[in-house]
Structure formats: structure tokens, C-alpha cells
Amino acid sequence: ERVVEIPNGVDTERFQPRTKDHDLVERYGLAGKTVALFVGNLQPFKRLDLLIDAIAAIDNPNLVLMVVGGGYGEDRYKAQVRDLGIGHRVVFAGPKNTAEDLPAHNALGDFLVLPSTHSESFGLVVLEAMASGKPGIVSSLPGPAALVEDGRDGLIARAGNLRDLIDKMRELVSDREQREAMLA
């Protein structure tokens, strides 16, 4: 009776649907592209490596992965991208200040992907993306999966399952109307 749960939230004045910043679109070469967005520290449990493998497996030259974040294994992920020959389809935007740059970078994405396989207790970036009008593909971990109603405001992929992640991404990449209907 004396314990009250206060759920996490986001500043909806800062994170809200907005038009893509033309200068950022030009800077990153995103004109006419479908952008899968990854936001977070590049810690191993976030499984950016799995997401990079998924991008490589999806034969769509208009699909681009934008990685917003840095640190930890960044050099390893860049090497993976180079080794897979998909450097033209992956943008490493670096870390962004939540208060200033992150909302503008969220606007560049068509959907967020959070492929974590463990230790992801919540996934604040999912709420920030949703507040920005972007559906998310999240792993089936209890925290992130609790934020998404599968098929309504995003999709839930089996944690660590590359094939399922690829299928979910293909679904959103190929169906712009579905992406835009989510969270509308």
C-alpha cells in the first residue's frame, strides 16, 4: 500500500512528430531512403552486430541503418560493416545530446530497432521514438516488449533470432502505409 510505481516517461514537448531536417538528410545522404534507426550506447548486449547482419541480409539498396550512439565496440561494428561491404548503407552518426540533437535524429528514422538480447530492462529510446511518431521493432525481452503492442505501434522480434528480426524489418520496409499507420 505504501509503494507506488511511477512509470518512466519522455518529454513530449521535445520528442514529438516533426519534419525531417533537410540539412541532416543531406549531410547523411538519406534522401529517398528508408531509415532504420538504432539509438543507444554500443554495448554488446544491445546487439548492434545482429542488426548490421540483418541490414546486410535485406537486399534493398534504399534501406539505410542510422546508428546514433558511440563508445564500447564502435570500431568493431565499423569493421563489421566494412567486411560485409555495406558501408554505403550504414551511417554512424555518433552520440547525440538528448536535449538538442536526438529529437532531430529520431525524425530522420522511419522506424527504430532495438535488438537487445539481455540486460535491457526498459528501453527508453523506444518511448522516445514512439513519441516522435516512429514505430519500433523490439526484442521479446520483458522490458522492451511491454512497451510495444505487436502490430499496433511496433513489432516484437524473438530476442537473438536473426531470421525473425529480418522478417520484421522487411515487413516495415516494404509497407510504408503500415509504418505510417502505426502510432497515427
Protein backbone atom coordinates (compact mmCIF):
# COMPACT_ATOMS: atom_id res chain seq x y z
CA GLU A 1 0.00 0.00 0.00
CA ARG A 2 2.92 2.33 0.63
CA VAL A 3 4.66 1.58 -2.64
CA VAL A 4 3.63 3.43 -5.77
CA GLU A 5 5.01 2.56 -9.17
CA ILE A 6 5.92 5.59 -11.23
CA PRO A 7 6.44 4.59 -14.86
CA ASN A 8 9.20 6.09 -16.97
CA GLY A 9 8.20 8.71 -19.47
CA VAL A 10 9.57 11.14 -22.03
CA ASP A 11 9.30 14.86 -22.58
CA THR A 12 6.65 15.07 -25.30
CA GLU A 13 7.49 18.72 -25.87
CA ARG A 14 10.91 17.60 -27.06
CA PHE A 15 10.03 14.21 -28.58
CA GLN A 16 7.14 14.63 -30.96
CA PRO A 17 6.47 14.03 -34.65
CA ARG A 18 8.40 16.53 -36.73
CA THR A 19 9.55 17.09 -40.28
CA LYS A 20 12.94 15.70 -41.26
CA ASP A 21 15.66 18.33 -41.10
CA HIS A 22 16.73 18.87 -44.73
CA ASP A 23 20.32 19.73 -43.75
CA LEU A 24 20.65 16.46 -41.80
CA VAL A 25 19.10 14.47 -44.66
CA GLU A 26 21.70 15.97 -46.99
CA ARG A 27 24.59 15.54 -44.52
CA TYR A 28 23.88 11.83 -44.11
CA GLY A 29 22.77 11.13 -47.70
CA LEU A 30 19.30 9.94 -46.71
CA ALA A 31 17.18 11.46 -49.49
CA GLY A 32 14.76 8.83 -50.79
CA LYS A 33 15.95 6.23 -48.27
CA THR A 34 14.07 4.15 -45.73
CA VAL A 35 15.94 4.62 -42.46
CA ALA A 36 16.15 2.00 -39.73
CA LEU A 37 17.24 3.82 -36.58
CA PHE A 38 19.37 2.42 -33.77
CA VAL A 39 19.86 4.66 -30.73
CA GLY A 40 22.00 3.80 -27.73
CA ASN A 41 25.40 3.11 -26.30
CA LEU A 42 27.14 0.49 -28.40
CA GLN A 43 27.28 -2.10 -25.63
CA PRO A 44 27.45 -5.76 -26.70
CA PHE A 45 24.06 -6.70 -25.19
CA LYS A 46 22.36 -4.13 -27.45
CA ARG A 47 23.28 -6.47 -30.36
CA LEU A 48 24.07 -3.89 -32.99
CA ASP A 49 26.04 -6.70 -34.65
CA LEU A 50 22.78 -8.61 -35.17
CA LEU A 51 21.13 -5.53 -36.66
CA ILE A 52 24.07 -4.98 -39.02
CA ASP A 53 23.76 -8.61 -40.16
CA ALA A 54 20.04 -8.04 -40.76
CA ILE A 55 20.71 -4.95 -42.88
CA ALA A 56 23.24 -6.92 -44.93
CA ALA A 57 20.73 -9.74 -45.46
CA ILE A 58 17.97 -7.44 -46.71
CA ASP A 59 18.67 -6.84 -50.38
CA ASN A 60 17.25 -3.34 -50.60
CA PRO A 61 19.65 -0.56 -51.62
CA ASN A 62 17.19 2.05 -50.29
CA LEU A 63 17.34 0.67 -46.75
CA VAL A 64 19.87 2.52 -44.57
CA LEU A 65 20.79 1.92 -40.95
CA MET A 66 21.48 5.05 -38.92
CA VAL A 67 23.41 4.37 -35.72
CA VAL A 68 23.04 7.13 -33.15
CA GLY A 69 25.41 6.47 -30.28
CA GLY A 70 29.00 5.61 -29.66
CA GLY A 71 31.56 4.02 -27.41
CA TYR A 72 32.42 0.45 -26.47
CA GLY A 73 32.74 -1.64 -29.65
CA GLU A 74 32.26 1.11 -32.23
CA ASP A 75 35.44 0.21 -34.11
CA ARG A 76 34.39 -3.45 -34.21
CA TYR A 77 30.95 -2.53 -35.63
CA LYS A 78 32.53 -0.30 -38.25
CA ALA A 79 34.83 -3.17 -39.22
CA GLN A 80 31.82 -5.50 -39.47
CA VAL A 81 30.09 -3.03 -41.81
CA ARG A 82 33.25 -2.73 -43.89
CA ASP A 83 33.73 -6.52 -44.04
CA LEU A 84 30.12 -7.01 -45.17
CA GLY A 85 30.56 -4.37 -47.87
CA ILE A 86 27.58 -2.30 -46.72
CA GLY A 87 29.34 0.94 -45.77
CA HIS A 88 27.09 2.85 -48.18
CA ARG A 89 24.03 1.57 -46.25
CA VAL A 90 25.14 2.31 -42.67
CA VAL A 91 25.59 5.77 -41.15
CA PHE A 92 27.41 6.13 -37.84
CA ALA A 93 26.09 9.48 -36.62
CA GLY A 94 27.88 9.31 -33.26
CA PRO A 95 26.48 10.18 -29.84
CA LYS A 96 23.90 12.96 -29.68
CA ASN A 97 22.78 15.19 -26.84
CA THR A 98 19.27 14.20 -25.87
CA ALA A 99 18.14 17.78 -25.29
CA GLU A 100 19.36 19.18 -28.61
CA ASP A 101 20.17 16.66 -31.31
CA LEU A 102 18.38 13.42 -30.54
CA PRO A 103 14.85 14.58 -31.44
CA ALA A 104 16.06 15.78 -34.87
CA HIS A 105 17.85 12.47 -35.44
CA ASN A 106 14.77 10.48 -34.39
CA ALA A 107 12.85 12.37 -37.08
CA LEU A 108 15.24 11.01 -39.72
CA GLY A 109 14.23 7.42 -39.00
CA ASP A 110 11.28 5.57 -40.44
CA PHE A 111 11.34 3.06 -37.57
CA LEU A 112 13.53 2.22 -34.58
CA VAL A 113 15.16 -1.17 -33.99
CA LEU A 114 16.20 -2.31 -30.51
CA PRO A 115 17.57 -5.87 -30.92
CA SER A 116 18.92 -6.34 -27.36
CA THR A 117 19.28 -9.92 -26.16
CA HIS A 118 19.66 -9.40 -22.40
CA SER A 119 20.06 -6.72 -19.72
CA GLU A 120 17.55 -4.38 -21.41
CA SER A 121 15.24 -3.65 -18.51
CA PHE A 122 13.22 -0.93 -20.19
CA GLY A 123 14.32 0.77 -23.40
CA LEU A 124 13.68 4.50 -23.02
CA VAL A 125 14.73 5.00 -26.67
CA VAL A 126 11.61 3.06 -27.66
CA LEU A 127 9.34 5.55 -25.89
CA GLU A 128 11.28 8.47 -27.37
CA ALA A 129 10.87 7.04 -30.87
CA MET A 130 7.17 6.36 -30.33
CA ALA A 131 6.64 9.89 -29.01
CA SER A 132 8.38 11.04 -32.20
CA GLY A 133 5.81 9.10 -34.25
CA LYS A 134 8.14 6.21 -35.15
CA PRO A 135 7.19 2.56 -34.67
CA GLY A 136 9.74 0.25 -33.16
CA ILE A 137 10.94 -3.26 -33.68
CA VAL A 138 11.98 -4.51 -30.25
CA SER A 139 13.25 -7.80 -28.95
CA SER A 140 10.98 -10.04 -26.94
CA LEU A 141 12.69 -9.17 -23.66
CA PRO A 142 10.14 -8.32 -20.95
CA GLY A 143 11.06 -4.60 -20.68
CA PRO A 144 11.05 -3.54 -24.34
CA ALA A 145 8.23 -5.95 -25.30
CA ALA A 146 6.00 -4.39 -22.62
CA LEU A 147 6.27 -1.03 -24.42
CA VAL A 148 5.03 -2.23 -27.81
CA GLU A 149 1.67 -3.65 -28.77
CA ASP A 150 2.76 -6.03 -31.53
CA GLY A 151 1.30 -4.95 -34.85
CA ARG A 152 -0.25 -1.74 -33.49
CA ASP A 153 2.64 0.57 -32.62
CA GLY A 154 5.55 -1.66 -33.49
CA LEU A 155 6.67 -5.25 -33.87
CA ILE A 156 8.24 -7.71 -31.44
CA ALA A 157 11.04 -9.97 -32.72
CA ARG A 158 12.29 -13.03 -30.86
CA ALA A 159 15.39 -11.98 -28.92
CA GLY A 160 18.58 -13.07 -30.68
CA ASN A 161 16.75 -14.56 -33.68
CA LEU A 162 18.29 -13.06 -36.82
CA ARG A 163 15.68 -14.58 -39.17
CA ASP A 164 12.78 -13.13 -37.17
CA LEU A 165 14.47 -9.72 -36.99
CA ILE A 166 14.98 -9.76 -40.76
CA ASP A 167 11.32 -10.72 -41.33
CA LYS A 168 10.06 -7.92 -39.06
CA MET A 169 12.33 -5.38 -40.73
CA ARG A 170 11.25 -6.48 -44.21
CA GLU A 171 7.65 -6.06 -43.13
CA LEU A 172 8.13 -2.43 -42.15
CA VAL A 173 10.49 -1.62 -45.01
CA SER A 174 8.10 -2.94 -47.64
CA ASP A 175 4.91 -1.45 -46.22
CA ARG A 176 5.14 2.30 -45.80
CA GLU A 177 1.41 2.55 -45.14
CA GLN A 178 1.72 0.09 -42.25
CA ARG A 179 4.62 2.07 -40.77
CA GLU A 180 2.74 5.32 -41.03
CA ALA A 181 -0.49 3.81 -39.67
CA MET A 182 1.31 2.68 -36.53
CA LEU A 183 1.10 5.40 -33.89
CA ALA A 184 -1.12 7.54 -36.14
